[in-house]
């Protein structure tokens, strides 16, 4: 069972929100220095944790949406390294840089290791 343990929005290193609908409410009032974080946990049928990963994407919340790709807060979340929002960068880039993509990329080697252990 792969479980999304939590997903949050951090501001200056402090957890600001843990909610699935971060486009709503006061998210528009956040200051620069925002990051999105997700933690994944893989457990066996008995509930024993077999693998964990964390993905973080640092950026800032723009006051006005830019770009039309993606959904939710994508046009508002500017990835600092690219000086563009996920709404401008599109799905291919988001599929590599997003907090979820980074967490999954870190989880894959752990899953491979577990599969190798089971096969041995």
PDB file of N, CA and C in Angstrom:
ATOM      1  N   UNK A   1       0.841  -1.158   0.000  1.00  0.00           N
ATOM      2  CA  UNK A   1       0.000   0.000   0.000  1.00  0.00           C
ATOM      3  C   UNK A   1       0.899   1.237   0.000  1.00  0.00           C
ATOM      4  N   UNK A   2       0.722   2.102  -0.971  1.00  0.00           N
ATOM      5  CA  UNK A   2       1.451   3.362  -1.016  1.00  0.00           C
ATOM      6  C   UNK A   2       0.512   4.437  -0.496  1.00  0.00           C
ATOM      7  N   UNK A   3       0.943   5.133   0.524  1.00  0.00           N
ATOM      8  CA  UNK A   3       0.076   6.118   1.160  1.00  0.00           C
ATOM      9  C   UNK A   3       0.726   7.491   1.122  1.00  0.00           C
ATOM     10  N   UNK A   4      -0.062   8.476   0.742  1.00  0.00           N
ATOM     11  CA  UNK A   4       0.372   9.861   0.841  1.00  0.00           C
ATOM     12  C   UNK A   4       0.193  10.266   2.294  1.00  0.00           C
ATOM     13  N   UNK A   5       1.303  10.368   3.016  1.00  0.00           N
ATOM     14  CA  UNK A   5       1.221  10.634   4.450  1.00  0.00           C
ATOM     15  C   UNK A   5       0.702  12.044   4.721  1.00  0.00           C
ATOM     16  N   UNK A   6       1.270  13.007   4.074  1.00  0.00           N
ATOM     17  CA  UNK A   6       0.755  14.358   4.191  1.00  0.00           C
ATOM     18  C   UNK A   6       1.365  15.219   3.104  1.00  0.00           C
ATOM     19  N   UNK A   7       0.673  16.259   2.826  1.00  0.00           N
ATOM     20  CA  UNK A   7       1.143  17.219   1.840  1.00  0.00           C
ATOM     21  C   UNK A   7       0.946  18.585   2.443  1.00  0.00           C
ATOM     22  N   UNK A   8       1.950  19.424   2.322  1.00  0.00           N
ATOM     23  CA  UNK A   8       1.829  20.712   2.983  1.00  0.00           C
ATOM     24  C   UNK A   8       2.487  21.834   2.230  1.00  0.00           C
ATOM     25  N   UNK A   9       2.190  23.002   2.670  1.00  0.00           N
ATOM     26  CA  UNK A   9       2.766  24.223   2.141  1.00  0.00           C
ATOM     27  C   UNK A   9       3.538  24.866   3.275  1.00  0.00           C
ATOM     28  N   UNK A  10       4.830  25.116   3.054  1.00  0.00           N
ATOM     29  CA  UNK A  10       5.646  25.712   4.099  1.00  0.00           C
ATOM     30  C   UNK A  10       6.029  27.129   3.710  1.00  0.00           C
ATOM     31  N   UNK A  11       6.167  27.960   4.705  1.00  0.00           N
ATOM     32  CA  UNK A  11       6.589  29.337   4.516  1.00  0.00           C
ATOM     33  C   UNK A  11       7.733  29.595   5.474  1.00  0.00           C
ATOM     34  N   UNK A  12       8.894  29.904   4.919  1.00  0.00           N
ATOM     35  CA  UNK A  12      10.089  30.162   5.722  1.00  0.00           C
ATOM     36  C   UNK A  12      10.360  29.036   6.713  1.00  0.00           C
ATOM     37  N   UNK A  13      10.218  27.785   6.251  1.00  0.00           N
ATOM     38  CA  UNK A  13      10.546  26.625   7.054  1.00  0.00           C
ATOM     39  C   UNK A  13       9.487  26.209   8.063  1.00  0.00           C
ATOM     40  N   UNK A  14       8.376  26.930   8.143  1.00  0.00           N
ATOM     41  CA  UNK A  14       7.316  26.581   9.082  1.00  0.00           C
ATOM     42  C   UNK A  14       6.105  26.098   8.303  1.00  0.00           C
ATOM     43  N   UNK A  15       5.515  25.005   8.773  1.00  0.00           N
ATOM     44  CA  UNK A  15       4.345  24.459   8.117  1.00  0.00           C
ATOM     45  C   UNK A  15       3.199  25.456   8.219  1.00  0.00           C
ATOM     46  N   UNK A  16       2.677  25.846   7.063  1.00  0.00           N
ATOM     47  CA  UNK A  16       1.598  26.817   7.029  1.00  0.00           C
ATOM     48  C   UNK A  16       0.251  26.162   6.764  1.00  0.00           C
ATOM     49  N   UNK A  17       0.222  25.165   5.898  1.00  0.00           N
ATOM     50  CA  UNK A  17      -1.030  24.506   5.524  1.00  0.00           C
ATOM     51  C   UNK A  17      -0.786  23.017   5.307  1.00  0.00           C
ATOM     52  N   UNK A  18      -1.736  22.220   5.650  1.00  0.00           N
ATOM     53  CA  UNK A  18      -1.795  20.824   5.244  1.00  0.00           C
ATOM     54  C   UNK A  18      -3.224  20.627   4.762  1.00  0.00           C
ATOM     55  N   UNK A  19      -3.414  20.735   3.473  1.00  0.00           N
ATOM     56  CA  UNK A  19      -4.756  20.597   2.941  1.00  0.00           C
ATOM     57  C   UNK A  19      -4.682  20.269   1.457  1.00  0.00           C
ATOM     58  N   UNK A  20      -5.674  19.571   0.936  1.00  0.00           N
ATOM     59  CA  UNK A  20      -5.651  19.200  -0.471  1.00  0.00           C
ATOM     60  C   UNK A  20      -6.006  20.342  -1.406  1.00  0.00           C
ATOM     61  N   UNK A  21      -6.715  21.340  -0.942  1.00  0.00           N
ATOM     62  CA  UNK A  21      -7.160  22.409  -1.825  1.00  0.00           C
ATOM     63  C   UNK A  21      -6.436  23.700  -1.474  1.00  0.00           C
ATOM     64  N   UNK A  22      -5.169  23.786  -1.857  1.00  0.00           N
ATOM     65  CA  UNK A  22      -4.369  24.939  -1.451  1.00  0.00           C
ATOM     66  C   UNK A  22      -4.609  26.150  -2.336  1.00  0.00           C
ATOM     67  N   UNK A  23      -5.446  26.035  -3.347  1.00  0.00           N
ATOM     68  CA  UNK A  23      -5.747  27.183  -4.193  1.00  0.00           C
ATOM     69  C   UNK A  23      -6.727  28.121  -3.493  1.00  0.00           C
ATOM     70  N   UNK A  24      -7.497  27.603  -2.587  1.00  0.00           N
ATOM     71  CA  UNK A  24      -8.537  28.385  -1.927  1.00  0.00           C
ATOM     72  C   UNK A  24      -7.991  29.171  -0.750  1.00  0.00           C
ATOM     73  N   UNK A  25      -8.725  30.160  -0.328  1.00  0.00           N
ATOM     74  CA  UNK A  25      -8.432  30.874   0.904  1.00  0.00           C
ATOM     75  C   UNK A  25      -7.217  31.756   0.843  1.00  0.00           C
ATOM     76  N   UNK A  26      -6.457  31.792   1.944  1.00  0.00           N
ATOM     77  CA  UNK A  26      -5.403  32.781   2.124  1.00  0.00           C
ATOM     78  C   UNK A  26      -4.090  32.418   1.447  1.00  0.00           C
ATOM     79  N   UNK A  27      -4.050  31.355   0.653  1.00  0.00           N
ATOM     80  CA  UNK A  27      -2.796  31.005  -0.006  1.00  0.00           C
ATOM     81  C   UNK A  27      -2.285  32.165  -0.857  1.00  0.00           C
ATOM     82  N   UNK A  28      -3.185  32.994  -1.353  1.00  0.00           N
ATOM     83  CA  UNK A  28      -2.776  34.127  -2.174  1.00  0.00           C
ATOM     84  C   UNK A  28      -2.052  35.195  -1.368  1.00  0.00           C
ATOM     85  N   UNK A  29      -2.179  35.156  -0.053  1.00  0.00           N
ATOM     86  CA  UNK A  29      -1.558  36.159   0.795  1.00  0.00           C
ATOM     87  C   UNK A  29      -0.174  35.767   1.292  1.00  0.00           C
ATOM     88  N   UNK A  30       0.345  34.619   0.856  1.00  0.00           N
ATOM     89  CA  UNK A  30       1.638  34.154   1.355  1.00  0.00           C
ATOM     90  C   UNK A  30       2.782  34.981   0.798  1.00  0.00           C
ATOM     91  N   UNK A  31       3.841  35.024   1.547  1.00  0.00           N
ATOM     92  CA  UNK A  31       5.043  35.741   1.158  1.00  0.00           C
ATOM     93  C   UNK A  31       5.961  34.837   0.335  1.00  0.00           C
ATOM     94  N   UNK A  32       6.980  35.409  -0.334  1.00  0.00           N
ATOM     95  CA  UNK A  32       7.985  34.576  -0.997  1.00  0.00           C
ATOM     96  C   UNK A  32       8.667  33.653   0.010  1.00  0.00           C
ATOM     97  N   UNK A  33       9.301  32.607  -0.494  1.00  0.00           N
ATOM     98  CA  UNK A  33       9.967  31.661   0.381  1.00  0.00           C
ATOM     99  C   UNK A  33       9.096  30.463   0.684  1.00  0.00           C
ATOM    100  N   UNK A  34       8.162  30.186  -0.176  1.00  0.00           N
ATOM    101  CA  UNK A  34       7.227  29.086   0.016  1.00  0.00           C
ATOM    102  C   UNK A  34       7.815  27.803  -0.539  1.00  0.00           C
ATOM    103  N   UNK A  35       7.434  26.692   0.059  1.00  0.00           N
ATOM    104  CA  UNK A  35       7.797  25.402  -0.523  1.00  0.00           C
ATOM    105  C   UNK A  35       6.641  24.435  -0.337  1.00  0.00           C
ATOM    106  N   UNK A  36       6.504  23.551  -1.310  1.00  0.00           N
ATOM    107  CA  UNK A  36       5.510  22.498  -1.233  1.00  0.00           C
ATOM    108  C   UNK A  36       6.240  21.221  -0.884  1.00  0.00           C
ATOM    109  N   UNK A  37       5.670  20.462   0.022  1.00  0.00           N
ATOM    110  CA  UNK A  37       6.322  19.251   0.498  1.00  0.00           C
ATOM    111  C   UNK A  37       5.320  18.108   0.542  1.00  0.00           C
ATOM    112  N   UNK A  38       5.794  16.917   0.211  1.00  0.00           N
ATOM    113  CA  UNK A  38       4.968  15.722   0.293  1.00  0.00           C
ATOM    114  C   UNK A  38       5.822  14.596   0.860  1.00  0.00           C
ATOM    115  N   UNK A  39       5.208  13.725   1.649  1.00  0.00           N
ATOM    116  CA  UNK A  39       5.888  12.537   2.177  1.00  0.00           C
ATOM    117  C   UNK A  39       5.101  11.312   1.760  1.00  0.00           C
ATOM    118  N   UNK A  40       5.816  10.338   1.211  1.00  0.00           N
ATOM    119  CA  UNK A  40       5.219   9.073   0.803  1.00  0.00           C
ATOM    120  C   UNK A  40       5.715   7.967   1.710  1.00  0.00           C
ATOM    121  N   UNK A  41       4.853   7.035   2.018  1.00  0.00           N
ATOM    122  CA  UNK A  41       5.216   5.878   2.833  1.00  0.00           C
ATOM    123  C   UNK A  41       4.677   4.631   2.167  1.00  0.00           C
ATOM    124  N   UNK A  42       5.527   3.613   2.060  1.00  0.00           N
ATOM    125  CA  UNK A  42       5.129   2.320   1.510  1.00  0.00           C
ATOM    126  C   UNK A  42       5.109   1.324   2.657  1.00  0.00           C
ATOM    127  N   UNK A  43       3.944   0.695   2.860  1.00  0.00           N
ATOM    128  CA  UNK A  43       3.795  -0.260   3.951  1.00  0.00           C
ATOM    129  C   UNK A  43       3.392  -1.615   3.397  1.00  0.00           C
ATOM    130  N   UNK A  44       3.801  -2.672   4.107  1.00  0.00           N
ATOM    131  CA  UNK A  44       3.373  -4.023   3.722  1.00  0.00           C
ATOM    132  C   UNK A  44       1.954  -4.262   4.247  1.00  0.00           C
ATOM    133  N   UNK A  45       1.345  -5.394   3.905  1.00  0.00           N
ATOM    134  CA  UNK A  45      -0.036  -5.648   4.336  1.00  0.00           C
ATOM    135  C   UNK A  45      -0.241  -5.637   5.854  1.00  0.00           C
ATOM    136  N   UNK A  46       0.816  -5.869   6.620  1.00  0.00           N
ATOM    137  CA  UNK A  46       0.711  -5.830   8.073  1.00  0.00           C
ATOM    138  C   UNK A  46       0.870  -4.418   8.644  1.00  0.00           C
ATOM    139  N   UNK A  47       1.127  -3.463   7.777  1.00  0.00           N
ATOM    140  CA  UNK A  47       1.282  -2.084   8.215  1.00  0.00           C
ATOM    141  C   UNK A  47       2.699  -1.684   8.555  1.00  0.00           C
ATOM    142  N   UNK A  48       3.681  -2.581   8.324  1.00  0.00           N
ATOM    143  CA  UNK A  48       5.080  -2.250   8.589  1.00  0.00           C
ATOM    144  C   UNK A  48       5.599  -1.339   7.478  1.00  0.00           C
ATOM    145  N   UNK A  49       6.196  -0.235   7.856  1.00  0.00           N
ATOM    146  CA  UNK A  49       6.728   0.712   6.875  1.00  0.00           C
ATOM    147  C   UNK A  49       7.976   0.121   6.240  1.00  0.00           C
ATOM    148  N   UNK A  50       7.961   0.024   4.911  1.00  0.00           N
ATOM    149  CA  UNK A  50       9.080  -0.571   4.170  1.00  0.00           C
ATOM    150  C   UNK A  50       9.909   0.472   3.425  1.00  0.00           C
ATOM    151  N   UNK A  51       9.321   1.607   3.117  1.00  0.00           N
ATOM    152  CA  UNK A  51      10.058   2.656   2.410  1.00  0.00           C
ATOM    153  C   UNK A  51       9.364   3.991   2.662  1.00  0.00           C
ATOM    154  N   UNK A  52      10.162   5.049   2.642  1.00  0.00           N
ATOM    155  CA  UNK A  52       9.640   6.404   2.824  1.00  0.00           C
ATOM    156  C   UNK A  52      10.415   7.356   1.946  1.00  0.00           C
ATOM    157  N   UNK A  53       9.755   8.402   1.502  1.00  0.00           N
ATOM    158  CA  UNK A  53      10.454   9.445   0.752  1.00  0.00           C
ATOM    159  C   UNK A  53       9.757  10.777   0.981  1.00  0.00           C
ATOM    160  N   UNK A  54      10.495  11.829   0.673  1.00  0.00           N
ATOM    161  CA  UNK A  54       9.991  13.182   0.848  1.00  0.00           C
ATOM    162  C   UNK A  54      10.387  13.984  -0.380  1.00  0.00           C
ATOM    163  N   UNK A  55       9.487  14.791  -0.872  1.00  0.00           N
ATOM    164  CA  UNK A  55       9.779  15.660  -2.004  1.00  0.00           C
ATOM    165  C   UNK A  55       9.459  17.095  -1.660  1.00  0.00           C
ATOM    166  N   UNK A  56      10.360  17.988  -2.017  1.00  0.00           N
ATOM    167  CA  UNK A  56      10.181  19.417  -1.739  1.00  0.00           C
ATOM    168  C   UNK A  56      10.418  20.193  -3.026  1.00  0.00           C
ATOM    169  N   UNK A  57       9.561  21.157  -3.270  1.00  0.00           N
ATOM    170  CA  UNK A  57       9.746  22.073  -4.394  1.00  0.00           C
ATOM    171  C   UNK A  57       9.678  23.488  -3.834  1.00  0.00           C
ATOM    172  N   UNK A  58      10.760  24.216  -3.965  1.00  0.00           N
ATOM    173  CA  UNK A  58      10.825  25.573  -3.430  1.00  0.00           C
ATOM    174  C   UNK A  58      10.406  26.574  -4.496  1.00  0.00           C
ATOM    175  N   UNK A  59       9.756  27.615  -4.047  1.00  0.00           N
ATOM    176  CA  UNK A  59       9.312  28.640  -4.975  1.00  0.00           C
ATOM    177  C   UNK A  59       8.687  29.795  -4.240  1.00  0.00           C
ATOM    178  N   UNK A  60       7.802  30.464  -4.932  1.00  0.00           N
ATOM    179  CA  UNK A  60       7.082  31.575  -4.313  1.00  0.00           C
ATOM    180  C   UNK A  60       5.692  31.649  -4.920  1.00  0.00           C
ATOM    181  N   UNK A  61       4.778  32.217  -4.176  1.00  0.00           N
ATOM    182  CA  UNK A  61       3.416  32.409  -4.639  1.00  0.00           C
ATOM    183  C   UNK A  61       3.325  33.795  -5.277  1.00  0.00           C
ATOM    184  N   UNK A  62       2.916  33.816  -6.527  1.00  0.00           N
ATOM    185  CA  UNK A  62       2.737  35.089  -7.228  1.00  0.00           C
ATOM    186  C   UNK A  62       1.396  35.697  -6.844  1.00  0.00           C
ATOM    187  N   UNK A  63       1.305  36.993  -6.937  1.00  0.00           N
ATOM    188  CA  UNK A  63       0.042  37.660  -6.627  1.00  0.00           C
ATOM    189  C   UNK A  63      -0.990  37.438  -7.724  1.00  0.00           C
ATOM    190  N   UNK A  64      -0.541  37.329  -8.960  1.00  0.00           N
ATOM    191  CA  UNK A  64      -1.442  37.123 -10.096  1.00  0.00           C
ATOM    192  C   UNK A  64      -1.068  35.824 -10.795  1.00  0.00           C
ATOM    193  N   UNK A  65      -2.047  35.036 -11.234  1.00  0.00           N
ATOM    194  CA  UNK A  65      -1.737  33.803 -11.968  1.00  0.00           C
ATOM    195  C   UNK A  65      -1.086  34.102 -13.306  1.00  0.00           C
ATOM    196  N   UNK A  66      -0.124  33.258 -13.695  1.00  0.00           N
ATOM    197  CA  UNK A  66       0.553  33.379 -14.981  1.00  0.00           C
ATOM    198  C   UNK A  66       0.620  31.993 -15.607  1.00  0.00           C
ATOM    199  N   UNK A  67       0.138  31.868 -16.828  1.00  0.00           N
ATOM    200  CA  UNK A  67       0.143  30.582 -17.519  1.00  0.00           C
ATOM    201  C   UNK A  67      -1.181  29.867 -17.351  1.00  0.00           C
ATOM    202  N   UNK A  68      -1.431  28.942 -18.273  1.00  0.00           N
ATOM    203  CA  UNK A  68      -2.724  28.250 -18.260  1.00  0.00           C
ATOM    204  C   UNK A  68      -2.595  26.742 -18.115  1.00  0.00           C
ATOM    205  N   UNK A  69      -1.374  26.224 -18.028  1.00  0.00           N
ATOM    206  CA  UNK A  69      -1.179  24.777 -17.892  1.00  0.00           C
ATOM    207  C   UNK A  69      -1.444  24.351 -16.454  1.00  0.00           C
ATOM    208  N   UNK A  70      -1.724  23.074 -16.292  1.00  0.00           N
ATOM    209  CA  UNK A  70      -1.878  22.517 -14.957  1.00  0.00           C
ATOM    210  C   UNK A  70      -3.237  22.807 -14.347  1.00  0.00           C
ATOM    211  N   UNK A  71      -3.274  22.801 -13.017  1.00  0.00           N
ATOM    212  CA  UNK A  71      -4.525  22.988 -12.292  1.00  0.00           C
ATOM    213  C   UNK A  71      -4.237  23.628 -10.952  1.00  0.00           C
ATOM    214  N   UNK A  72      -5.273  24.013 -10.260  1.00  0.00           N
ATOM    215  CA  UNK A  72      -5.126  24.537  -8.902  1.00  0.00           C
ATOM    216  C   UNK A  72      -4.185  25.723  -8.838  1.00  0.00           C
ATOM    217  N   UNK A  73      -3.167  25.599  -8.015  1.00  0.00           N
ATOM    218  CA  UNK A  73      -2.241  26.710  -7.794  1.00  0.00           C
ATOM    219  C   UNK A  73      -1.089  26.748  -8.802  1.00  0.00           C
ATOM    220  N   UNK A  74      -1.080  25.886  -9.828  1.00  0.00           N
ATOM    221  CA  UNK A  74       0.031  25.863 -10.801  1.00  0.00           C
ATOM    222  C   UNK A  74       0.326  27.234 -11.407  1.00  0.00           C
ATOM    223  N   UNK A  75      -0.668  28.024 -11.809  1.00  0.00           N
ATOM    224  CA  UNK A  75      -0.359  29.351 -12.358  1.00  0.00           C
ATOM    225  C   UNK A  75       0.130  30.355 -11.315  1.00  0.00           C
ATOM    226  N   UNK A  76       0.050  30.001 -10.037  1.00  0.00           N
ATOM    227  CA  UNK A  76       0.491  30.903  -8.964  1.00  0.00           C
ATOM    228  C   UNK A  76       1.849  30.529  -8.383  1.00  0.00           C
ATOM    229  N   UNK A  77       2.232  29.245  -8.478  1.00  0.00           N
ATOM    230  CA  UNK A  77       3.473  28.787  -7.850  1.00  0.00           C
ATOM    231  C   UNK A  77       4.633  28.936  -8.819  1.00  0.00           C
ATOM    232  N   UNK A  78       5.528  29.873  -8.525  1.00  0.00           N
ATOM    233  CA  UNK A  78       6.690  30.133  -9.375  1.00  0.00           C
ATOM    234  C   UNK A  78       7.887  29.338  -8.868  1.00  0.00           C
ATOM    235  N   UNK A  79       8.448  28.510  -9.738  1.00  0.00           N
ATOM    236  CA  UNK A  79       9.638  27.731  -9.411  1.00  0.00           C
ATOM    237  C   UNK A  79      10.838  28.670  -9.535  1.00  0.00           C
ATOM    238  N   UNK A  80      11.544  28.849  -8.443  1.00  0.00           N
ATOM    239  CA  UNK A  80      12.596  29.859  -8.366  1.00  0.00           C
ATOM    240  C   UNK A  80      13.676  29.660  -9.434  1.00  0.00           C
ATOM    241  N   UNK A  81      14.124  28.402  -9.625  1.00  0.00           N
ATOM    242  CA  UNK A  81      15.219  28.156 -10.573  1.00  0.00           C
ATOM    243  C   UNK A  81      14.872  28.552 -12.007  1.00  0.00           C
ATOM    244  N   UNK A  82      13.583  28.521 -12.344  1.00  0.00           N
ATOM    245  CA  UNK A  82      13.159  28.780 -13.717  1.00  0.00           C
ATOM    246  C   UNK A  82      12.508  30.147 -13.900  1.00  0.00           C
ATOM    247  N   UNK A  83      12.201  30.829 -12.822  1.00  0.00           N
ATOM    248  CA  UNK A  83      11.523  32.127 -12.879  1.00  0.00           C
ATOM    249  C   UNK A  83      10.234  32.041 -13.684  1.00  0.00           C
ATOM    250  N   UNK A  84       9.561  30.885 -13.594  1.00  0.00           N
ATOM    251  CA  UNK A  84       8.294  30.646 -14.279  1.00  0.00           C
ATOM    252  C   UNK A  84       7.384  29.849 -13.351  1.00  0.00           C
ATOM    253  N   UNK A  85       6.089  30.001 -13.565  1.00  0.00           N
ATOM    254  CA  UNK A  85       5.128  29.225 -12.780  1.00  0.00           C
ATOM    255  C   UNK A  85       4.960  27.848 -13.424  1.00  0.00           C
ATOM    256  N   UNK A  86       4.412  26.908 -12.647  1.00  0.00           N
ATOM    257  CA  UNK A  86       4.083  25.609 -13.225  1.00  0.00           C
ATOM    258  C   UNK A  86       3.042  25.779 -14.316  1.00  0.00           C
ATOM    259  N   UNK A  87       2.231  26.812 -14.245  1.00  0.00           N
ATOM    260  CA  UNK A  87       1.263  27.108 -15.295  1.00  0.00           C
ATOM    261  C   UNK A  87       1.926  27.477 -16.609  1.00  0.00           C
ATOM    262  N   UNK A  88       3.137  28.019 -16.556  1.00  0.00           N
ATOM    263  CA  UNK A  88       3.902  28.343 -17.757  1.00  0.00           C
ATOM    264  C   UNK A  88       4.768  27.173 -18.207  1.00  0.00           C
ATOM    265  N   UNK A  89       5.305  26.420 -17.266  1.00  0.00           N
ATOM    266  CA  UNK A  89       6.259  25.359 -17.592  1.00  0.00           C
ATOM    267  C   UNK A  89       5.592  24.127 -18.186  1.00  0.00           C
ATOM    268  N   UNK A  90       4.389  23.833 -17.806  1.00  0.00           N
ATOM    269  CA  UNK A  90       3.664  22.710 -18.373  1.00  0.00           C
ATOM    270  C   UNK A  90       3.924  21.388 -17.676  1.00  0.00           C
ATOM    271  N   UNK A  91       3.200  20.379 -18.142  1.00  0.00           N
ATOM    272  CA  UNK A  91       3.167  19.070 -17.480  1.00  0.00           C
ATOM    273  C   UNK A  91       4.499  18.334 -17.513  1.00  0.00           C
ATOM    274  N   UNK A  92       5.242  18.418 -18.608  1.00  0.00           N
ATOM    275  CA  UNK A  92       6.500  17.668 -18.708  1.00  0.00           C
ATOM    276  C   UNK A  92       7.500  18.145 -17.663  1.00  0.00           C
ATOM    277  N   UNK A  93       7.670  19.439 -17.549  1.00  0.00           N
ATOM    278  CA  UNK A  93       8.612  19.998 -16.568  1.00  0.00           C
ATOM    279  C   UNK A  93       8.092  19.761 -15.152  1.00  0.00           C
ATOM    280  N   UNK A  94       6.794  19.964 -14.951  1.00  0.00           N
ATOM    281  CA  UNK A  94       6.214  19.727 -13.629  1.00  0.00           C
ATOM    282  C   UNK A  94       6.401  18.270 -13.219  1.00  0.00           C
ATOM    283  N   UNK A  95       6.349  17.360 -14.194  1.00  0.00           N
ATOM    284  CA  UNK A  95       6.526  15.939 -13.915  1.00  0.00           C
ATOM    285  C   UNK A  95       7.914  15.583 -13.430  1.00  0.00           C
ATOM    286  N   UNK A  96       8.845  16.507 -13.527  1.00  0.00           N
ATOM    287  CA  UNK A  96      10.205  16.298 -13.034  1.00  0.00           C
ATOM    288  C   UNK A  96      10.470  17.132 -11.772  1.00  0.00           C
ATOM    289  N   UNK A  97       9.972  18.355 -11.736  1.00  0.00           N
ATOM    290  CA  UNK A  97      10.323  19.296 -10.674  1.00  0.00           C
ATOM    291  C   UNK A  97       9.370  19.342  -9.489  1.00  0.00           C
ATOM    292  N   UNK A  98       8.156  18.859  -9.639  1.00  0.00           N
ATOM    293  CA  UNK A  98       7.178  19.016  -8.569  1.00  0.00           C
ATOM    294  C   UNK A  98       7.574  18.228  -7.323  1.00  0.00           C
ATOM    295  N   UNK A  99       7.001  18.598  -6.204  1.00  0.00           N
ATOM    296  CA  UNK A  99       7.281  17.910  -4.943  1.00  0.00           C
ATOM    297  C   UNK A  99       6.869  16.446  -5.029  1.00  0.00           C
ATOM    298  N   UNK A 100       5.777  16.157  -5.704  1.00  0.00           N
ATOM    299  CA  UNK A 100       5.341  14.770  -5.848  1.00  0.00           C
ATOM    300  C   UNK A 100       6.295  13.983  -6.729  1.00  0.00           C
ATOM    301  N   UNK A 101       6.716  14.579  -7.848  1.00  0.00           N
ATOM    302  CA  UNK A 101       7.652  13.895  -8.757  1.00  0.00           C
ATOM    303  C   UNK A 101       8.969  13.595  -8.050  1.00  0.00           C
ATOM    304  N   UNK A 102       9.452  14.518  -7.256  1.00  0.00           N
ATOM    305  CA  UNK A 102      10.711  14.301  -6.533  1.00  0.00           C
ATOM    306  C   UNK A 102      10.570  13.195  -5.494  1.00  0.00           C
ATOM    307  N   UNK A 103       9.425  13.138  -4.819  1.00  0.00           N
ATOM    308  CA  UNK A 103       9.202  12.083  -3.820  1.00  0.00           C
ATOM    309  C   UNK A 103       9.116  10.716  -4.493  1.00  0.00           C
ATOM    310  N   UNK A 104       8.417  10.635  -5.608  1.00  0.00           N
ATOM    311  CA  UNK A 104       8.299   9.364  -6.328  1.00  0.00           C
ATOM    312  C   UNK A 104       9.660   8.926  -6.856  1.00  0.00           C
ATOM    313  N   UNK A 105      10.456   9.872  -7.385  1.00  0.00           N
ATOM    314  CA  UNK A 105      11.794   9.526  -7.891  1.00  0.00           C
ATOM    315  C   UNK A 105      12.667   8.937  -6.788  1.00  0.00           C
ATOM    316  N   UNK A 106      12.529   9.424  -5.565  1.00  0.00           N
ATOM    317  CA  UNK A 106      13.290   8.877  -4.442  1.00  0.00           C
ATOM    318  C   UNK A 106      12.721   7.545  -3.956  1.00  0.00           C
ATOM    319  N   UNK A 107      11.457   7.308  -4.200  1.00  0.00           N
ATOM    320  CA  UNK A 107      10.812   6.073  -3.777  1.00  0.00           C
ATOM    321  C   UNK A 107      11.164   4.903  -4.712  1.00  0.00           C
ATOM    322  N   UNK A 108      11.343   5.162  -5.988  1.00  0.00           N
ATOM    323  CA  UNK A 108      11.565   4.096  -6.981  1.00  0.00           C
ATOM    324  C   UNK A 108      12.744   3.185  -6.628  1.00  0.00           C
ATOM    325  N   UNK A 109      13.933   3.697  -6.282  1.00  0.00           N
ATOM    326  CA  UNK A 109      15.033   2.792  -5.922  1.00  0.00           C
ATOM    327  C   UNK A 109      14.719   1.921  -4.701  1.00  0.00           C
ATOM    328  N   UNK A 110      13.959   2.467  -3.770  1.00  0.00           N
ATOM    329  CA  UNK A 110      13.587   1.691  -2.591  1.00  0.00           C
ATOM    330  C   UNK A 110      12.641   0.550  -2.964  1.00  0.00           C
ATOM    331  N   UNK A 111      11.717   0.817  -3.880  1.00  0.00           N
ATOM    332  CA  UNK A 111      10.801  -0.225  -4.347  1.00  0.00           C
ATOM    333  C   UNK A 111      11.577  -1.298  -5.102  1.00  0.00           C
ATOM    334  N   UNK A 112      12.529  -0.879  -5.926  1.00  0.00           N
ATOM    335  CA  UNK A 112      13.365  -1.857  -6.647  1.00  0.00           C
ATOM    336  C   UNK A 112      14.131  -2.745  -5.669  1.00  0.00           C
ATOM    337  N   UNK A 113      14.673  -2.137  -4.620  1.00  0.00           N
ATOM    338  CA  UNK A 113      15.399  -2.902  -3.604  1.00  0.00           C
ATOM    339  C   UNK A 113      14.479  -3.926  -2.943  1.00  0.00           C
ATOM    340  N   UNK A 114      13.287  -3.495  -2.600  1.00  0.00           N
ATOM    341  CA  UNK A 114      12.326  -4.401  -1.969  1.00  0.00           C
ATOM    342  C   UNK A 114      11.938  -5.545  -2.912  1.00  0.00           C
ATOM    343  N   UNK A 115      11.736  -5.254  -4.176  1.00  0.00           N
ATOM    344  CA  UNK A 115      11.411  -6.293  -5.153  1.00  0.00           C
ATOM    345  C   UNK A 115      12.555  -7.282  -5.300  1.00  0.00           C
ATOM    346  N   UNK A 116      13.789  -6.776  -5.277  1.00  0.00           N
ATOM    347  CA  UNK A 116      14.958  -7.646  -5.355  1.00  0.00           C
ATOM    348  C   UNK A 116      15.024  -8.556  -4.131  1.00  0.00           C
ATOM    349  N   UNK A 117      14.729  -8.020  -2.957  1.00  0.00           N
ATOM    350  CA  UNK A 117      14.734  -8.826  -1.730  1.00  0.00           C
ATOM    351  C   UNK A 117      13.678  -9.923  -1.785  1.00  0.00           C
ATOM    352  N   UNK A 118      12.516  -9.621  -2.311  1.00  0.00           N
ATOM    353  CA  UNK A 118      11.428 -10.589  -2.403  1.00  0.00           C
ATOM    354  C   UNK A 118      11.781 -11.686  -3.396  1.00  0.00           C
ATOM    355  N   UNK A 119      12.434 -11.311  -4.501  1.00  0.00           N
ATOM    356  CA  UNK A 119      12.780 -12.272  -5.548  1.00  0.00           C
ATOM    357  C   UNK A 119      13.937 -13.181  -5.131  1.00  0.00           C
ATOM    358  N   UNK A 120      14.763 -12.727  -4.186  1.00  0.00           N
ATOM    359  CA  UNK A 120      15.949 -13.503  -3.786  1.00  0.00           C
ATOM    360  C   UNK A 120      15.613 -14.680  -2.908  1.00  0.00           C
TER     361      UNK A 120
END
